[in-house]
Protein backbone atom coordinates (compact mmCIF):
# COMPACT_ATOMS: atom_id res chain seq x y z
CA MET A 1 -10.35 -13.20 7.12
CA GLU A 2 -10.83 -15.08 10.38
CA LEU A 3 -8.22 -14.29 13.05
CA ILE A 4 -7.11 -17.26 15.17
CA GLN A 5 -4.53 -17.23 17.96
CA LYS A 6 -3.10 -20.68 18.65
CA ALA A 7 -2.31 -21.58 22.23
CA GLY A 8 0.85 -23.49 23.04
CA PRO A 9 4.23 -23.33 24.71
CA ASN A 10 6.93 -20.96 23.55
CA VAL A 11 9.72 -22.41 21.43
CA GLY A 12 13.32 -22.24 22.53
CA PRO A 13 16.25 -20.65 20.70
CA GLY A 14 18.28 -22.52 18.13
CA VAL A 15 20.86 -21.98 15.44
CA SER A 16 20.61 -19.60 12.49
CA CYS A 17 20.75 -20.16 8.76
CA ALA A 18 21.30 -17.64 6.00
CA MET A 19 18.28 -16.76 3.89
CA ILE A 20 18.70 -16.56 0.13
CA CYS A 21 16.88 -13.33 -0.63
CA ARG A 22 17.44 -13.03 -4.36
CA ALA A 23 16.22 -16.50 -5.16
CA THR A 24 13.91 -18.05 -7.68
CA LEU A 25 10.32 -18.31 -6.53
CA LEU A 26 8.37 -21.54 -6.42
CA LEU A 27 4.68 -20.70 -6.24
CA ALA A 28 1.71 -22.67 -5.00
CA GLY A 29 0.66 -25.30 -7.49
CA SER A 30 2.85 -26.09 -10.44
CA LEU A 31 3.42 -22.54 -11.72
CA LEU A 32 7.06 -21.49 -11.72
CA LEU A 33 7.90 -17.82 -12.09
CA ALA A 34 11.54 -16.75 -12.30
CA ALA A 35 11.76 -13.37 -10.59
CA CYS A 36 13.96 -11.94 -13.33
CA SER A 37 12.64 -13.79 -16.38
CA PRO A 38 11.84 -11.43 -19.27
CA THR A 39 8.62 -13.28 -20.11
CA ASP A 40 7.02 -13.37 -16.66
CA PRO A 41 3.43 -12.20 -16.33
CA ALA A 42 3.28 -10.12 -13.17
CA ALA A 43 -0.40 -9.25 -13.01
CA SER A 44 -2.62 -11.13 -10.61
CA ALA A 45 -5.33 -13.31 -12.09
CA ASP A 46 -8.76 -11.70 -12.48
CA VAL A 47 -10.41 -13.96 -9.92
CA ALA A 48 -13.21 -12.39 -7.91
CA ILE A 49 -13.90 -13.39 -4.31
CA PRO A 50 -16.95 -15.74 -4.26
CA ALA A 51 -20.20 -14.13 -3.11
CA GLY A 52 -20.28 -16.34 -0.02
CA CYS A 53 -16.88 -15.01 1.03
CA GLN A 54 -17.70 -11.30 0.74
CA PRO A 55 -17.86 -9.13 3.89
CA ALA A 56 -21.27 -8.73 5.48
CA ALA A 57 -23.40 -5.59 5.13
CA PRO A 58 -23.02 -2.65 5.55
CA PHE A 59 -19.62 -3.32 3.92
CA VAL A 60 -20.97 -3.61 0.37
CA VAL A 61 -17.94 -2.50 -1.71
CA ARG A 62 -17.34 -5.06 -4.45
CA HIS A 63 -13.63 -5.06 -5.14
CA PRO A 64 -12.55 -5.37 -8.80
CA ALA A 65 -11.54 -8.93 -9.64
CA TRP A 66 -8.09 -7.75 -10.68
CA ALA A 67 -7.42 -6.52 -7.13
CA THR A 68 -7.99 -9.92 -5.49
CA ASN A 69 -4.28 -10.80 -5.29
CA ALA A 70 -2.93 -7.34 -6.02
CA SER A 71 -0.12 -5.31 -4.51
CA LEU A 72 0.47 -1.57 -4.80
CA TYR A 73 3.54 0.33 -6.00
CA GLN A 74 3.67 4.07 -5.34
CA VAL A 75 5.34 6.10 -8.09
CA ASN A 76 7.04 9.39 -7.28
CA VAL A 77 7.45 10.56 -10.88
CA ARG A 78 9.39 13.69 -9.92
CA GLN A 79 12.15 11.76 -8.14
CA TYR A 80 12.06 8.50 -10.11
CA THR A 81 14.45 9.50 -12.91
CA PRO A 82 16.82 12.41 -13.64
CA GLU A 83 14.24 13.65 -16.17
CA GLY A 84 11.31 13.30 -13.74
CA THR A 85 8.82 12.68 -16.56
CA PHE A 86 6.11 10.20 -17.49
CA ARG A 87 8.10 9.02 -20.52
CA ALA A 88 11.25 8.41 -18.48
CA PHE A 89 9.33 6.48 -15.83
CA GLU A 90 7.53 4.42 -18.47
CA LYS A 91 10.83 2.71 -19.34
CA HIS A 92 10.70 1.06 -15.88
CA LEU A 93 7.33 -0.61 -16.46
CA PRO A 94 8.71 -3.94 -17.80
CA ARG A 95 11.01 -4.21 -14.77
CA LEU A 96 8.14 -3.50 -12.38
CA GLN A 97 5.92 -6.01 -14.14
CA LYS A 98 8.58 -8.68 -13.75
CA MET A 99 8.94 -7.69 -10.10
CA GLY A 100 5.28 -8.57 -9.61
CA VAL A 101 3.68 -5.14 -9.31
CA SER A 102 -0.03 -5.21 -10.09
CA ILE A 103 -1.35 -1.70 -9.29
CA LEU A 104 0.68 1.46 -9.93
CA TRP A 105 -0.25 4.48 -7.81
CA LEU A 106 0.89 7.77 -9.36
CA MET A 107 1.30 10.75 -7.05
CA PRO A 108 -0.72 13.82 -8.19
CA VAL A 109 -0.08 14.75 -11.81
CA GLN A 110 -1.81 18.15 -11.92
CA PRO A 111 -0.13 21.59 -12.00
CA ILE A 112 1.17 22.91 -8.65
CA GLY A 113 0.32 26.29 -7.16
CA ALA A 114 2.90 29.09 -7.08
CA VAL A 115 1.46 31.23 -4.27
CA LYS A 116 2.95 30.26 -0.87
CA ARG A 117 4.76 27.38 -2.61
CA LYS A 118 7.11 25.35 -0.43
CA GLY A 119 10.58 24.73 -1.86
CA THR A 120 11.49 25.32 -5.48
CA LEU A 121 8.97 22.95 -7.08
CA GLY A 122 6.22 22.86 -4.47
CA SER A 123 4.08 20.07 -3.08
CA GLN A 124 2.33 17.79 -5.55
CA TYR A 125 -0.60 17.94 -3.11
CA SER A 126 -1.06 21.68 -3.72
CA VAL A 127 -3.22 21.31 -6.84
CA ARG A 128 -3.80 24.36 -9.03
CA ASP A 129 -6.00 22.83 -11.74
CA TYR A 130 -7.82 19.53 -11.32
CA ARG A 131 -8.28 18.85 -15.03
CA THR A 132 -4.86 19.45 -16.58
CA VAL A 133 -1.39 17.87 -16.41
CA ASN A 134 1.70 19.35 -14.76
CA PRO A 135 4.11 20.18 -17.62
CA GLU A 136 6.98 19.27 -15.27
CA PHE A 137 6.02 15.64 -15.92
CA GLY A 138 5.09 15.87 -19.60
CA SER A 139 1.89 16.11 -21.60
CA LEU A 140 -1.52 14.51 -21.29
CA ALA A 141 -0.59 12.34 -24.30
CA ASP A 142 2.53 11.18 -22.44
CA LEU A 143 0.43 10.24 -19.43
CA GLN A 144 -2.11 8.36 -21.54
CA HIS A 145 0.71 6.50 -23.28
CA LEU A 146 2.08 5.49 -19.86
CA ILE A 147 -1.32 4.18 -18.75
CA ALA A 148 -1.86 2.32 -22.02
CA THR A 149 1.58 0.69 -21.72
CA ALA A 150 0.82 -0.39 -18.16
CA HIS A 151 -2.50 -1.86 -19.28
CA HIS A 152 -0.74 -3.73 -22.07
CA LEU A 153 1.52 -5.24 -19.41
CA LYS A 154 -1.62 -6.23 -17.43
CA MET A 155 -1.04 -3.70 -14.68
CA HIS A 156 -3.60 -1.16 -13.47
CA VAL A 157 -2.99 2.50 -12.60
CA ILE A 158 -4.60 4.68 -9.94
CA LEU A 159 -4.21 8.43 -9.47
CA ASP A 160 -3.53 10.29 -6.23
CA TRP A 161 -6.50 12.62 -5.68
CA VAL A 162 -6.50 15.70 -3.43
CA ALA A 163 -10.17 16.47 -2.78
CA ASN A 164 -9.84 18.28 0.55
CA HIS A 165 -7.91 21.40 -0.50
CA THR A 166 -6.32 23.29 -3.40
CA SER A 167 -3.45 25.73 -3.86
CA TRP A 168 -4.07 29.37 -2.96
CA ASP A 169 -3.97 30.34 -6.63
CA SER A 170 -6.08 27.43 -7.91
CA GLU A 171 -8.55 27.83 -10.74
CA LEU A 172 -11.34 27.10 -8.27
CA SER A 173 -10.23 29.83 -5.84
CA LYS A 174 -10.51 32.34 -8.69
CA ALA A 175 -13.74 31.12 -10.28
CA HIS A 176 -15.57 29.91 -7.17
CA PRO A 177 -14.21 31.54 -3.99
CA ASP A 178 -17.49 30.64 -2.27
CA TRP A 179 -16.53 26.93 -2.50
CA PHE A 180 -13.92 27.39 0.24
CA THR A 181 -14.10 27.64 4.03
CA LYS A 182 -13.09 31.02 5.52
CA ASP A 183 -11.58 32.28 8.74
CA ALA A 184 -13.28 34.82 11.03
CA LYS A 185 -12.18 37.66 8.74
CA GLY A 186 -13.60 35.99 5.63
CA ASN A 187 -10.22 34.94 4.22
CA PHE A 188 -9.17 31.58 2.79
CA ARG A 189 -7.61 29.32 5.40
CA PRO A 190 -5.47 26.15 5.42
CA PRO A 191 -7.22 22.97 6.57
CA VAL A 192 -4.36 22.33 9.02
CA ALA A 193 -2.11 25.04 10.48
CA ASP A 194 1.09 23.52 9.09
CA TRP A 195 -0.32 23.17 5.56
CA GLN A 196 0.30 26.81 4.62
CA ASP A 197 0.51 26.18 0.88
CA VAL A 198 -3.12 25.01 0.53
CA ILE A 199 -6.64 26.23 1.35
CA ASP A 200 -9.65 24.27 2.57
CA LEU A 201 -12.63 23.33 0.39
CA ASP A 202 -16.21 23.47 1.70
CA TYR A 203 -18.21 20.31 0.97
CA THR A 204 -21.49 21.84 2.09
CA LYS A 205 -21.55 23.32 -1.44
CA PRO A 206 -23.47 21.00 -3.84
CA GLU A 207 -21.78 22.64 -6.83
CA LEU A 208 -18.33 21.75 -5.48
CA ARG A 209 -19.36 18.14 -5.00
CA GLN A 210 -20.63 17.94 -8.56
CA TYR A 211 -17.47 19.53 -9.95
CA MET A 212 -15.23 17.18 -8.00
CA THR A 213 -17.15 14.06 -9.01
CA THR A 214 -17.15 15.16 -12.65
CA SER A 215 -13.38 15.69 -12.44
CA LEU A 216 -12.81 12.19 -11.04
CA VAL A 217 -15.01 10.74 -13.77
CA TYR A 218 -12.91 12.56 -16.41
CA TRP A 219 -9.64 10.95 -15.25
CA VAL A 220 -11.19 7.49 -15.41
CA LYS A 221 -13.33 7.80 -18.54
CA ASP A 222 -11.17 10.05 -20.71
CA VAL A 223 -7.62 9.57 -19.42
CA GLY A 224 -7.80 5.87 -18.53
CA PHE A 225 -7.06 5.59 -14.81
CA ASP A 226 -8.43 2.58 -12.90
CA GLY A 227 -9.21 4.30 -9.61
CA PHE A 228 -7.79 6.66 -7.01
CA ARG A 229 -5.74 6.98 -3.85
CA CYS A 230 -7.55 9.75 -1.96
CA ASP A 231 -5.54 12.14 0.19
CA VAL A 232 -6.74 12.65 3.80
CA ALA A 233 -10.01 11.03 2.78
CA GLY A 234 -11.47 11.19 6.29
CA LEU A 235 -11.51 15.01 6.14
CA VAL A 236 -13.96 14.85 3.22
CA PRO A 237 -17.58 13.80 3.93
CA THR A 238 -18.09 10.07 3.49
CA ASP A 239 -21.35 10.53 1.59
CA PHE A 240 -19.41 12.39 -1.12
CA TRP A 241 -17.11 9.40 -1.56
CA ASN A 242 -20.07 7.00 -1.55
CA ASP A 243 -21.82 8.92 -4.30
CA THR A 244 -18.63 9.32 -6.34
CA ARG A 245 -17.78 5.61 -6.15
CA ALA A 246 -21.22 4.83 -7.56
CA GLU A 247 -20.62 7.21 -10.49
CA LEU A 248 -17.20 5.73 -11.23
CA GLU A 249 -18.58 2.19 -11.19
CA LYS A 250 -20.88 3.17 -14.06
CA ILE A 251 -17.73 3.48 -16.20
CA LYS A 252 -15.77 0.39 -15.08
CA PRO A 253 -14.69 -1.44 -11.92
CA VAL A 254 -12.32 0.82 -9.97
CA PHE A 255 -9.98 0.47 -7.00
CA MET A 256 -10.22 3.14 -4.30
CA LEU A 257 -7.62 3.62 -1.54
CA ALA A 258 -8.25 6.08 1.31
CA GLU A 259 -5.49 7.77 3.26
CA TRP A 260 -7.13 7.24 6.63
CA ASP A 261 -7.30 4.71 9.45
CA GLU A 262 -10.16 4.51 11.94
CA LEU A 263 -7.69 2.94 14.38
CA HIS A 264 -5.23 5.87 14.24
CA ASN A 265 -5.74 9.44 15.43
CA PRO A 266 -3.82 11.68 12.99
CA PRO A 267 -1.24 13.87 14.76
CA PHE A 268 -2.19 16.89 12.63
CA LEU A 269 -5.71 17.03 14.14
CA LYS A 270 -6.44 18.82 17.37
CA LYS A 271 -7.81 16.91 20.35
CA GLY A 272 -11.43 15.96 19.75
CA GLU A 273 -11.32 16.52 15.96
CA PHE A 274 -10.69 12.88 15.00
CA THR A 275 -13.75 10.86 14.03
CA PRO A 276 -12.99 7.13 14.45
CA ASN A 277 -16.19 6.06 12.65
CA THR A 278 -15.84 7.40 9.13
CA HIS A 279 -17.39 4.30 7.49
CA LEU A 280 -15.14 4.83 4.45
CA LEU A 281 -14.81 1.08 3.81
CA GLU A 282 -18.52 0.38 3.68
CA LYS A 283 -19.55 1.82 0.30
CA ALA A 284 -16.67 3.91 -1.05
CA PHE A 285 -13.20 2.43 -0.56
CA ASP A 286 -11.54 -0.92 -1.18
CA ALA A 287 -8.85 -0.22 1.43
CA THR A 288 -7.59 2.37 3.88
CA TYR A 289 -4.11 2.79 5.35
CA ALA A 290 -2.94 0.55 8.19
CA LEU A 291 -1.42 3.61 9.88
CA ARG A 292 -1.61 2.22 13.40
CA LEU A 293 0.27 -0.89 12.26
CA HIS A 294 2.90 1.22 10.48
CA TYR A 295 3.71 3.19 13.62
CA LEU A 296 3.68 0.03 15.70
CA LEU A 297 6.25 -1.60 13.39
CA ASP A 298 8.47 1.48 13.69
CA SER A 299 8.14 1.39 17.47
CA ILE A 300 9.03 -2.31 17.61
CA ALA A 301 12.09 -1.83 15.38
CA GLN A 302 13.27 1.04 17.59
CA GLY A 303 12.79 -0.94 20.82
CA ARG A 304 9.94 1.22 22.12
CA ARG A 305 7.33 -1.54 21.89
CA PRO A 306 7.63 -5.35 22.16
CA VAL A 307 6.86 -7.76 19.33
CA ALA A 308 4.16 -9.08 21.68
CA ALA A 309 2.13 -5.95 20.81
CA LEU A 310 1.36 -7.36 17.35
CA PRO A 311 -1.35 -9.92 18.26
CA PRO A 312 -3.39 -7.29 20.21
CA TYR A 313 -3.13 -4.97 17.20
CA PHE A 314 -4.57 -7.57 14.82
CA ALA A 315 -7.31 -8.37 17.32
CA ALA A 316 -8.20 -4.64 17.45
CA GLU A 317 -8.26 -4.50 13.65
CA ARG A 318 -10.77 -7.35 13.52
CA ARG A 319 -12.91 -5.77 16.24
CA ARG A 320 -13.16 -2.63 14.13
CA TYR A 321 -13.58 -4.31 10.74
CA PRO A 322 -15.32 -7.60 9.91
CA THR A 323 -13.61 -10.46 8.11
CA GLY A 324 -12.96 -9.68 4.47
CA VAL A 325 -12.38 -5.94 5.02
CA TYR A 326 -8.71 -5.05 4.60
CA LEU A 327 -6.17 -2.26 4.96
CA MET A 328 -2.97 -1.28 3.15
CA ASN A 329 0.25 -2.41 4.87
CA PHE A 330 3.56 -0.61 4.31
CA THR A 331 6.99 0.17 5.69
CA SER A 332 7.50 3.30 3.56
CA SER A 333 5.63 5.86 1.45
CA HIS A 334 6.24 9.38 0.16
CA ASP A 335 5.31 10.88 3.54
CA VAL A 336 7.18 8.30 5.60
CA ASN A 337 10.39 8.57 3.58
CA SER A 338 10.49 12.36 3.41
CA TRP A 339 9.40 13.18 6.97
CA GLU A 340 10.35 10.13 9.05
CA GLY A 341 13.30 8.78 7.06
CA PRO A 342 14.16 5.69 4.96
CA GLU A 343 13.81 2.14 6.28
CA SER A 344 17.53 1.87 7.01
CA GLN A 345 17.17 4.74 9.47
CA ARG A 346 13.82 3.81 11.06
CA LEU A 347 13.91 0.00 10.97
CA GLY A 348 17.63 -0.75 10.96
CA ALA A 349 18.57 -4.43 10.77
CA ASN A 350 14.89 -5.42 10.71
CA ALA A 351 13.98 -3.48 7.55
CA GLN A 352 13.66 -6.53 5.29
CA ALA A 353 12.08 -8.76 7.92
CA LEU A 354 9.38 -6.13 8.50
CA ALA A 355 8.90 -5.80 4.74
CA VAL A 356 8.14 -9.54 4.69
CA LEU A 357 5.65 -9.09 7.51
CA ALA A 358 3.92 -6.13 5.84
CA ALA A 359 3.67 -7.97 2.53
CA LEU A 360 2.20 -11.19 3.90
CA VAL A 361 -0.13 -10.30 6.79
CA PRO A 362 -3.78 -9.72 5.79
CA GLY A 363 -4.18 -6.60 3.68
CA ILE A 364 -2.83 -5.20 0.44
CA PRO A 365 0.93 -4.47 0.53
CA LEU A 366 2.60 -1.30 -0.71
CA VAL A 367 6.11 -0.82 -2.10
CA TYR A 368 7.32 2.77 -2.44
CA SER A 369 9.62 4.07 -5.18
CA GLY A 370 13.20 3.20 -4.27
CA GLN A 371 12.56 0.44 -1.76
CA GLU A 372 13.77 -2.13 -4.27
CA ALA A 373 17.00 -0.11 -4.45
CA GLY A 374 17.50 -0.42 -0.70
CA SER A 375 17.63 3.38 -0.82
CA THR A 376 19.08 5.06 2.26
CA LYS A 377 18.07 8.50 1.00
CA LYS A 378 15.53 10.78 2.67
CA LEU A 379 14.07 12.32 -0.47
CA ARG A 380 13.37 16.04 -0.45
CA PHE A 381 9.66 16.66 -0.85
CA PHE A 382 9.51 20.09 -2.47
CA ASP A 383 12.64 19.96 -4.63
CA LYS A 384 14.23 17.70 -7.22
CA ASP A 385 16.05 14.78 -5.55
CA THR A 386 16.49 11.76 -7.82
CA ILE A 387 16.44 8.24 -6.38
CA GLN A 388 19.80 6.45 -6.50
CA TRP A 389 18.97 2.99 -7.85
CA ASN A 390 22.40 1.32 -7.52
CA GLY A 391 21.46 -1.68 -9.66
CA TYR A 392 18.21 -2.48 -7.78
CA PRO A 393 19.82 -4.72 -5.11
CA LEU A 394 16.46 -5.66 -3.52
CA ASN A 395 14.53 -6.11 -6.75
CA ALA A 396 14.59 -9.92 -6.47
CA PHE A 397 13.67 -9.78 -2.77
CA TYR A 398 10.50 -7.85 -3.54
CA ALA A 399 9.85 -10.05 -6.58
CA VAL A 400 9.61 -13.09 -4.29
CA LEU A 401 7.11 -11.32 -2.03
CA LEU A 402 4.97 -9.79 -4.78
CA HIS A 403 4.82 -12.93 -6.92
CA LEU A 404 3.89 -14.98 -3.88
CA LYS A 405 1.15 -12.45 -3.11
CA SER A 406 -0.02 -12.52 -6.71
CA GLU A 407 -0.30 -16.29 -7.02
CA SER A 408 -1.24 -17.77 -3.64
CA ALA A 409 -4.92 -18.31 -2.90
CA ALA A 410 -4.02 -18.08 0.79
CA LEU A 411 -3.08 -14.40 0.40
CA ARG A 412 -6.19 -13.04 -1.32
CA ASN A 413 -7.44 -9.56 -0.52
CA GLY A 414 -10.96 -9.33 0.86
CA ASP A 415 -11.58 -13.06 1.36
CA ALA A 416 -13.87 -13.43 4.38
CA CYS A 417 -13.56 -17.24 4.20
CA ALA A 418 -9.78 -17.22 4.67
CA LYS A 419 -8.03 -17.82 7.98
CA PHE A 420 -5.25 -15.87 9.70
CA THR A 421 -3.67 -17.81 12.56
CA ILE A 422 -1.12 -16.36 14.97
CA TRP A 423 1.21 -19.06 16.31
CA PRO A 424 3.04 -19.15 19.65
CA ALA A 425 6.57 -17.84 19.26
CA PRO A 426 9.68 -16.98 21.26
CA ALA A 427 10.17 -13.43 22.50
CA GLY A 428 11.14 -11.18 19.62
CA CYS A 429 9.42 -13.37 17.02
CA PHE A 430 6.07 -13.13 15.26
CA VAL A 431 4.77 -16.29 13.57
CA PHE A 432 1.55 -16.59 11.60
CA GLU A 433 -0.17 -18.70 8.97
CA ARG A 434 -2.63 -17.73 6.29
CA ALA A 435 -4.89 -20.21 4.49
CA ASN A 436 -7.77 -20.12 2.07
CA GLY A 437 -11.19 -21.35 3.10
CA ASP A 438 -10.62 -25.05 2.39
CA GLY A 439 -7.06 -25.01 3.74
CA GLN A 440 -5.55 -26.30 0.49
CA ALA A 441 -3.41 -23.15 0.05
CA ARG A 442 -1.31 -22.23 3.09
CA VAL A 443 1.51 -19.77 3.73
CA TRP A 444 3.41 -19.88 7.05
CA VAL A 445 5.65 -16.97 8.04
CA ALA A 446 8.17 -16.65 10.87
CA ILE A 447 9.67 -13.21 11.55
CA ASN A 448 12.61 -12.96 13.97
CA LEU A 449 13.21 -9.36 15.04
CA SER A 450 15.62 -10.26 17.83
CA ASP A 451 19.42 -10.37 17.96
CA GLN A 452 19.36 -14.13 18.59
CA ALA A 453 18.79 -16.92 16.06
CA GLN A 454 15.83 -19.21 16.75
CA ALA A 455 14.73 -22.72 15.80
CA LEU A 456 11.00 -23.27 15.33
CA PRO A 457 9.09 -26.51 14.76
CA ARG A 458 8.23 -27.03 11.10
CA PRO A 459 4.46 -26.97 10.44
CA ASP A 460 3.03 -30.14 8.92
CA GLY A 461 2.22 -30.08 5.22
CA LEU A 462 4.33 -27.02 4.37
CA VAL A 463 7.28 -28.23 2.36
CA THR A 464 8.38 -25.42 0.05
CA ASP A 465 10.51 -22.46 1.13
CA ALA A 466 9.59 -19.32 -0.84
CA PHE A 467 13.11 -17.90 -0.46
CA ALA A 468 15.02 -21.09 -1.24
CA ASP A 469 16.18 -22.61 -4.51
CA VAL A 470 13.56 -24.37 -6.59
CA GLY A 471 13.40 -28.08 -5.85
CA SER A 472 14.61 -27.76 -2.27
CA PRO A 473 11.83 -29.16 -0.06
CA VAL A 474 11.96 -28.49 3.66
CA THR A 475 12.04 -31.80 5.57
CA THR A 476 13.85 -31.04 8.83
CA PRO A 477 11.73 -31.13 12.02
CA THR A 478 12.93 -27.66 13.04
CA LEU A 479 13.49 -24.49 11.05
CA PRO A 480 16.43 -22.21 11.80
CA VAL A 481 15.41 -18.55 11.63
CA PRO A 482 18.34 -16.12 11.71
CA ALA A 483 18.46 -13.02 13.84
CA HIS A 484 16.66 -10.17 12.06
CA GLY A 485 15.51 -12.76 9.52
CA TRP A 486 12.50 -14.72 8.34
CA ARG A 487 11.25 -18.01 6.91
CA VAL A 488 8.30 -18.37 4.55
CA LEU A 489 6.89 -21.85 3.88
CA MET A 490 3.97 -22.79 1.66
CA THR A 491 2.08 -25.68 0.18
CA ARG A 492 3.04 -26.75 -3.30
C-alpha cells in the first residue's frame, strides 16, 4: 500500500448536506447488494493477493485468500444476549452475515479461574483450562455447531487466545508449577501488577511451548476455528508464534491477529520494558492492532490533538511497516468499551465519522459487539451486563461500510500494489483516496470532524456515492460535507 500525500491549496468552507446513513449500497462494478436483503452473501471473495503484490521479505506471512477483503467482528458472548450462550448468539449469525461481517472473533471460551477472581463471573482472560469449554457459554457441541453455522454462511471464526498467563488455579499451575515465572520468594506472580487474577507463564520452558502449540492446533483441527486473536502477543516470544503459525498452516490457512502495536508503548509496561521491534508481522501474524491510531482518534475527537496529526501518523506507520503490511483499525473493543467508555462518550458527535475513517483507511476494520446498536453502555467486564440492542439503529450504516470493504478491489488487505493518497483538506477535515494497482477501482473519502460544513471539489471519475440511493450519480463540481459528517465516492 503506497502512501502518497498530494500537494495543493486548502479548500474553503461551503454548505452542508444530510447524509443518508441507512441507505442501499451500490458497489464497484455491477454488483448490487441491499444491506438488509435476506439473500445477500456477506463473505468476501476468496481472492488472494497476486505474488507480485505481496510485501517484501522478511514479511513472509501469506494471508488466507478469504481475508483479502475481510472485516472483523468481535463477539462478547457473555454480554451479547440475556442467555449469554453460544446457541443464543448463533441466532444473530444471519443478521451479521447480511451486515457484511466476514470474520467473527470470539472472546475466550475456556473456563475461568475462581481464585482471586474479579467480579462475580471473572475475566474471560483468566483461563483455567486451555482445552475445555466454559459451561457458562454452553457445551463443546454448541460451540462446534456455532462454527459450522458460520462456515455455512461463508464466514470464518477466530478464537481469542491467552498464551501469556493463566488463572491462579489453572490446570497448568497444579500439574506444572515449574512452567511459571516466580517472584523473589519463589511464588507465582502476575505478569503486570494490576492483573492480580492471573499468573505469568515462562516461555523458556520447551515443554510449555509444546503444550501451548498443541492446544492451539486442537482448537483448529478438532474444534474448527480458523485462527486466533492473541492476547498481549508482544509479551510472548516471537519465535514461539513463528513456530506455532507454521504448525497451524499444516492444517489449513489461518488468520492470526496480535494484540500489539510496535508504534505504541503499552501503558501497563514500566519504562524501558517495551520492545518496539517484536517482528510479529514477519512470519506469525496477519495483522496487529493499530493502537497508536486508536488513541490518536480519541484525542482528535476530544480536541486534544488536531486532525492535521493524521498524515504524520500514516507516514510513521509506513516507515515502520512496508507496503502490504497492515494493522487492525477500530473505534471500540472489549477493553475500550469497558475501561474507556462507549463511542458516544469518547467520540461524541464524530463517532460515526470516525467509524467511516477506521473502516476505510488501509488495514482491516473491526466492529465490536453493540456498535451497530449505537450502544451508549459501558459494559461491565467481570459481571453479566447484556447489550441493549434497541432495534439495531446503526446496522445499515455498518452494512454500507462492510459491504464496500468486502467488494471493492481498492480496499484489499495486504495489497502492496495499491495506493493510499492523502488529499489537501480544510482544517478539521481528513480526505484520502484508495485505489488498486491499475487505478480502475477507486474509493475517495472525506471526513469532516469540525463544527462547520465544508464544500470540497469532486474528484474526477468518481460518480457513485456509497451512502446515497442507488442510481444517484454525483455530477456537481463540489461536494457538500456536513459538520461531523462524511462523503464516500467510488468508481462504478
